[in-house]
Structure formats: C-alpha cells, structure tokens
Amino acid sequence: MDTKDVSMIPECGDLAVLANCKVIVGAKQLRKALTNGKATKVFLAKNADPAITDPLEAMCLTNHIPCLWVSTMLDLGCACGIDVGAAAAAVVG
C-alpha cells in the first residue's frame, strides 16, 4: 500500500497538524469529502474496524490523497479536539 505510519512523519508525529487546520471527523463525513475532492490529507486509526478504514484507505489511494495511520482511535479523537475516539479524520481545504 501507498500509506504511511504517522509516527514516521516528523511534522505529524504528535498530530499537531490537526490542531491548526480545518478538520472533519468520522467515516461518513470523510467519504463525502473524498468524493467531493475536499480532503487533502486523511488520518485513520490502526485499532478501528477495518470494515470502516479499508474502504476509506482505498478511496484515498484512488484519489491520490495522503493516508496516514495513527496508533489509536483515542489519539486521533484527542488530536481532533473531541472527547471520544475517532476512526477517521481529514484535513479539508
């Protein structure tokens, strides 16, 4: 696959990039953003249900959108400023 582990990317190591960007959270919103061409970078949680993340990863690959994997849903949710875990999030522009 053409995806990368977020921990291997210095500028995204602590997911700080999400704090400074317009972000959407959740699989449904992410699917819409990918379909509409609004997502510029996608984050998927490794411990999320593959039934959710695998189709999103495939959409990213098809649309040439960087897809970065984070350790846990809780880490991703926290980086997005929400109090619950998130399976998927994206920077939109």
N, C-alpha and C. Protein backbone atom coordinates (compact mmCIF):
# COMPACT_ATOMS: atom_id res chain seq x y z
N MET A 1 0.84 -1.19 0.00
CA MET A 1 0.00 0.00 0.00
C MET A 1 0.87 1.24 0.00
N ASP A 2 0.30 2.34 -0.42
CA ASP A 2 1.00 3.60 -0.51
C ASP A 2 0.77 4.47 0.72
N THR A 3 0.32 3.89 1.83
CA THR A 3 0.05 4.67 3.02
C THR A 3 1.26 4.65 3.93
N LYS A 4 1.28 5.59 4.88
CA LYS A 4 2.41 5.73 5.77
C LYS A 4 1.94 5.75 7.20
N ASP A 5 2.79 5.32 8.11
CA ASP A 5 2.50 5.40 9.53
C ASP A 5 2.81 6.82 9.97
N VAL A 6 1.85 7.47 10.62
CA VAL A 6 2.02 8.87 11.01
C VAL A 6 3.22 9.06 11.92
N SER A 7 3.59 8.06 12.70
CA SER A 7 4.73 8.19 13.60
C SER A 7 6.05 8.31 12.84
N MET A 8 6.05 7.96 11.58
CA MET A 8 7.25 8.02 10.78
C MET A 8 7.41 9.38 10.08
N ILE A 9 6.44 10.25 10.24
CA ILE A 9 6.47 11.55 9.58
C ILE A 9 6.68 12.62 10.64
N PRO A 10 7.86 13.24 10.69
CA PRO A 10 8.18 14.17 11.77
C PRO A 10 7.17 15.28 11.97
N GLU A 11 6.67 15.88 10.92
CA GLU A 11 5.75 17.00 11.08
C GLU A 11 4.38 16.57 11.58
N CYS A 12 4.08 15.28 11.57
CA CYS A 12 2.80 14.79 12.02
C CYS A 12 2.91 13.92 13.26
N GLY A 13 4.11 13.79 13.81
CA GLY A 13 4.34 12.85 14.89
C GLY A 13 3.37 12.94 16.03
N ASP A 14 3.02 14.13 16.48
CA ASP A 14 2.08 14.26 17.58
C ASP A 14 0.70 14.72 17.10
N LEU A 15 0.47 14.63 15.84
CA LEU A 15 -0.80 15.01 15.21
C LEU A 15 -1.11 16.50 15.37
N ALA A 16 -0.09 17.30 15.67
CA ALA A 16 -0.29 18.73 15.86
C ALA A 16 -0.86 19.40 14.61
N VAL A 17 -0.63 18.80 13.47
CA VAL A 17 -1.14 19.37 12.22
C VAL A 17 -2.66 19.51 12.27
N LEU A 18 -3.35 18.63 12.98
CA LEU A 18 -4.80 18.69 13.04
C LEU A 18 -5.30 19.87 13.86
N ALA A 19 -4.51 20.36 14.78
CA ALA A 19 -4.92 21.48 15.62
C ALA A 19 -4.93 22.81 14.85
N ASN A 20 -4.21 22.86 13.75
CA ASN A 20 -4.06 24.11 13.01
C ASN A 20 -4.77 24.13 11.67
N CYS A 21 -5.62 23.15 11.44
CA CYS A 21 -6.29 23.03 10.14
C CYS A 21 -7.79 22.84 10.32
N LYS A 22 -8.52 23.04 9.24
CA LYS A 22 -9.93 22.70 9.24
C LYS A 22 -10.02 21.18 9.10
N VAL A 23 -10.71 20.55 10.05
CA VAL A 23 -10.73 19.09 10.12
C VAL A 23 -12.16 18.59 10.14
N ILE A 24 -12.39 17.47 9.48
CA ILE A 24 -13.66 16.76 9.61
C ILE A 24 -13.36 15.42 10.28
N VAL A 25 -14.33 14.93 11.04
CA VAL A 25 -14.15 13.70 11.80
C VAL A 25 -15.29 12.75 11.48
N GLY A 26 -14.94 11.49 11.28
CA GLY A 26 -15.95 10.46 11.06
C GLY A 26 -15.95 9.93 9.65
N ALA A 27 -16.30 8.66 9.53
CA ALA A 27 -16.25 7.98 8.23
C ALA A 27 -17.22 8.56 7.21
N LYS A 28 -18.43 8.87 7.64
CA LYS A 28 -19.42 9.40 6.68
C LYS A 28 -18.98 10.74 6.12
N GLN A 29 -18.55 11.63 7.01
CA GLN A 29 -18.11 12.95 6.55
C GLN A 29 -16.86 12.84 5.68
N LEU A 30 -15.98 11.91 6.05
CA LEU A 30 -14.76 11.72 5.28
C LEU A 30 -15.07 11.19 3.88
N ARG A 31 -16.00 10.24 3.78
CA ARG A 31 -16.39 9.73 2.47
C ARG A 31 -16.91 10.86 1.58
N LYS A 32 -17.74 11.74 2.16
CA LYS A 32 -18.26 12.87 1.39
C LYS A 32 -17.13 13.79 0.93
N ALA A 33 -16.18 14.07 1.83
CA ALA A 33 -15.07 14.97 1.48
C ALA A 33 -14.19 14.36 0.40
N LEU A 34 -13.97 13.06 0.46
CA LEU A 34 -13.17 12.39 -0.58
C LEU A 34 -13.91 12.40 -1.91
N THR A 35 -15.19 12.16 -1.88
CA THR A 35 -16.00 12.16 -3.10
C THR A 35 -16.04 13.54 -3.74
N ASN A 36 -16.12 14.58 -2.90
CA ASN A 36 -16.21 15.96 -3.39
C ASN A 36 -14.85 16.59 -3.67
N GLY A 37 -13.78 15.88 -3.40
CA GLY A 37 -12.44 16.40 -3.64
C GLY A 37 -11.99 17.44 -2.63
N LYS A 38 -12.59 17.46 -1.44
CA LYS A 38 -12.24 18.47 -0.44
C LYS A 38 -11.18 18.00 0.55
N ALA A 39 -11.00 16.70 0.72
CA ALA A 39 -10.00 16.18 1.66
C ALA A 39 -8.61 16.31 1.06
N THR A 40 -7.67 16.82 1.86
CA THR A 40 -6.30 16.96 1.38
C THR A 40 -5.34 16.00 2.07
N LYS A 41 -5.71 15.53 3.26
CA LYS A 41 -4.90 14.56 3.99
C LYS A 41 -5.84 13.79 4.92
N VAL A 42 -5.67 12.49 4.97
CA VAL A 42 -6.56 11.63 5.75
C VAL A 42 -5.77 10.93 6.84
N PHE A 43 -6.39 10.80 8.00
CA PHE A 43 -5.82 10.08 9.14
C PHE A 43 -6.76 8.95 9.51
N LEU A 44 -6.23 7.73 9.63
CA LEU A 44 -7.02 6.56 10.00
C LEU A 44 -6.40 5.91 11.23
N ALA A 45 -7.24 5.43 12.13
CA ALA A 45 -6.75 4.79 13.35
C ALA A 45 -6.52 3.31 13.11
N LYS A 46 -5.35 2.82 13.55
CA LYS A 46 -5.00 1.42 13.36
C LYS A 46 -5.93 0.46 14.10
N ASN A 47 -6.48 0.89 15.23
CA ASN A 47 -7.32 -0.01 16.01
C ASN A 47 -8.81 0.12 15.69
N ALA A 48 -9.13 0.86 14.63
CA ALA A 48 -10.52 0.99 14.20
C ALA A 48 -10.92 -0.25 13.39
N ASP A 49 -12.20 -0.44 13.25
CA ASP A 49 -12.75 -1.57 12.48
C ASP A 49 -12.29 -1.47 11.03
N PRO A 50 -11.62 -2.50 10.51
CA PRO A 50 -11.18 -2.47 9.11
C PRO A 50 -12.34 -2.32 8.12
N ALA A 51 -13.53 -2.70 8.51
CA ALA A 51 -14.69 -2.50 7.63
C ALA A 51 -14.94 -1.01 7.40
N ILE A 52 -14.48 -0.19 8.31
CA ILE A 52 -14.60 1.26 8.16
C ILE A 52 -13.38 1.83 7.46
N THR A 53 -12.19 1.45 7.92
CA THR A 53 -10.97 2.09 7.42
C THR A 53 -10.52 1.60 6.05
N ASP A 54 -10.71 0.33 5.75
CA ASP A 54 -10.23 -0.20 4.47
C ASP A 54 -10.85 0.49 3.26
N PRO A 55 -12.18 0.69 3.22
CA PRO A 55 -12.75 1.40 2.06
C PRO A 55 -12.27 2.85 1.97
N LEU A 56 -12.05 3.49 3.13
CA LEU A 56 -11.55 4.86 3.11
C LEU A 56 -10.13 4.92 2.59
N GLU A 57 -9.32 3.95 3.01
CA GLU A 57 -7.95 3.88 2.50
C GLU A 57 -7.96 3.68 0.98
N ALA A 58 -8.83 2.82 0.49
CA ALA A 58 -8.92 2.58 -0.95
C ALA A 58 -9.33 3.85 -1.69
N MET A 59 -10.27 4.61 -1.12
CA MET A 59 -10.67 5.88 -1.75
C MET A 59 -9.51 6.86 -1.79
N CYS A 60 -8.71 6.88 -0.73
CA CYS A 60 -7.54 7.77 -0.70
C CYS A 60 -6.56 7.40 -1.81
N LEU A 61 -6.30 6.11 -1.93
CA LEU A 61 -5.36 5.66 -2.96
C LEU A 61 -5.87 6.00 -4.35
N THR A 62 -7.15 5.80 -4.58
CA THR A 62 -7.77 6.09 -5.88
C THR A 62 -7.68 7.57 -6.21
N ASN A 63 -7.88 8.41 -5.18
CA ASN A 63 -7.90 9.86 -5.37
C ASN A 63 -6.56 10.54 -5.11
N HIS A 64 -5.51 9.73 -4.88
CA HIS A 64 -4.16 10.25 -4.63
C HIS A 64 -4.11 11.22 -3.46
N ILE A 65 -4.80 10.86 -2.38
CA ILE A 65 -4.82 11.65 -1.16
C ILE A 65 -3.92 10.95 -0.14
N PRO A 66 -2.99 11.67 0.50
CA PRO A 66 -2.14 11.03 1.52
C PRO A 66 -3.00 10.45 2.64
N CYS A 67 -2.70 9.22 2.99
CA CYS A 67 -3.44 8.49 4.03
C CYS A 67 -2.43 8.09 5.10
N LEU A 68 -2.60 8.64 6.30
CA LEU A 68 -1.66 8.42 7.38
C LEU A 68 -2.32 7.62 8.49
N TRP A 69 -1.62 6.66 9.02
CA TRP A 69 -2.16 5.80 10.08
C TRP A 69 -1.66 6.29 11.43
N VAL A 70 -2.57 6.37 12.39
CA VAL A 70 -2.23 6.72 13.77
C VAL A 70 -2.49 5.52 14.66
N SER A 71 -1.88 5.50 15.82
CA SER A 71 -1.93 4.33 16.69
C SER A 71 -3.33 3.96 17.14
N THR A 72 -4.06 4.92 17.70
CA THR A 72 -5.36 4.57 18.28
C THR A 72 -6.44 5.58 17.92
N MET A 73 -7.67 5.13 18.05
CA MET A 73 -8.82 6.00 17.84
C MET A 73 -8.82 7.13 18.87
N LEU A 74 -8.42 6.81 20.10
CA LEU A 74 -8.39 7.83 21.16
C LEU A 74 -7.39 8.92 20.82
N ASP A 75 -6.20 8.54 20.32
CA ASP A 75 -5.20 9.53 19.91
C ASP A 75 -5.74 10.44 18.81
N LEU A 76 -6.42 9.85 17.86
CA LEU A 76 -6.96 10.62 16.74
C LEU A 76 -8.06 11.55 17.21
N GLY A 77 -8.96 11.04 18.04
CA GLY A 77 -10.04 11.88 18.57
C GLY A 77 -9.49 13.06 19.36
N CYS A 78 -8.51 12.79 20.20
CA CYS A 78 -7.89 13.84 21.02
C CYS A 78 -7.24 14.90 20.13
N ALA A 79 -6.54 14.47 19.09
CA ALA A 79 -5.89 15.41 18.16
C ALA A 79 -6.91 16.27 17.43
N CYS A 80 -8.12 15.74 17.26
CA CYS A 80 -9.18 16.48 16.58
C CYS A 80 -9.97 17.36 17.53
N GLY A 81 -9.64 17.28 18.83
CA GLY A 81 -10.32 18.11 19.81
C GLY A 81 -11.65 17.58 20.29
N ILE A 82 -11.86 16.26 20.17
CA ILE A 82 -13.09 15.67 20.67
C ILE A 82 -12.76 14.73 21.82
N ASP A 83 -13.75 14.47 22.67
CA ASP A 83 -13.54 13.68 23.87
C ASP A 83 -13.73 12.18 23.67
N VAL A 84 -13.94 11.75 22.45
CA VAL A 84 -14.12 10.33 22.15
C VAL A 84 -13.17 9.95 21.03
N GLY A 85 -13.01 8.65 20.83
CA GLY A 85 -12.14 8.18 19.77
C GLY A 85 -12.74 8.43 18.40
N ALA A 86 -11.87 8.48 17.41
CA ALA A 86 -12.28 8.66 16.02
C ALA A 86 -11.57 7.65 15.15
N ALA A 87 -12.31 6.98 14.29
CA ALA A 87 -11.72 6.02 13.37
C ALA A 87 -11.04 6.71 12.21
N ALA A 88 -11.58 7.89 11.83
CA ALA A 88 -11.08 8.57 10.65
C ALA A 88 -11.27 10.08 10.79
N ALA A 89 -10.34 10.80 10.21
CA ALA A 89 -10.41 12.26 10.17
C ALA A 89 -9.67 12.73 8.94
N ALA A 90 -9.96 13.95 8.54
CA ALA A 90 -9.27 14.51 7.37
C ALA A 90 -9.10 16.00 7.50
N VAL A 91 -8.01 16.47 6.93
CA VAL A 91 -7.80 17.89 6.75
C VAL A 91 -8.51 18.26 5.45
N VAL A 92 -9.31 19.30 5.50
CA VAL A 92 -10.03 19.73 4.29
C VAL A 92 -9.60 21.14 3.92
N GLY A 93 -9.70 21.42 2.65
CA GLY A 93 -9.28 22.73 2.20
C GLY A 93 -10.12 23.23 1.07
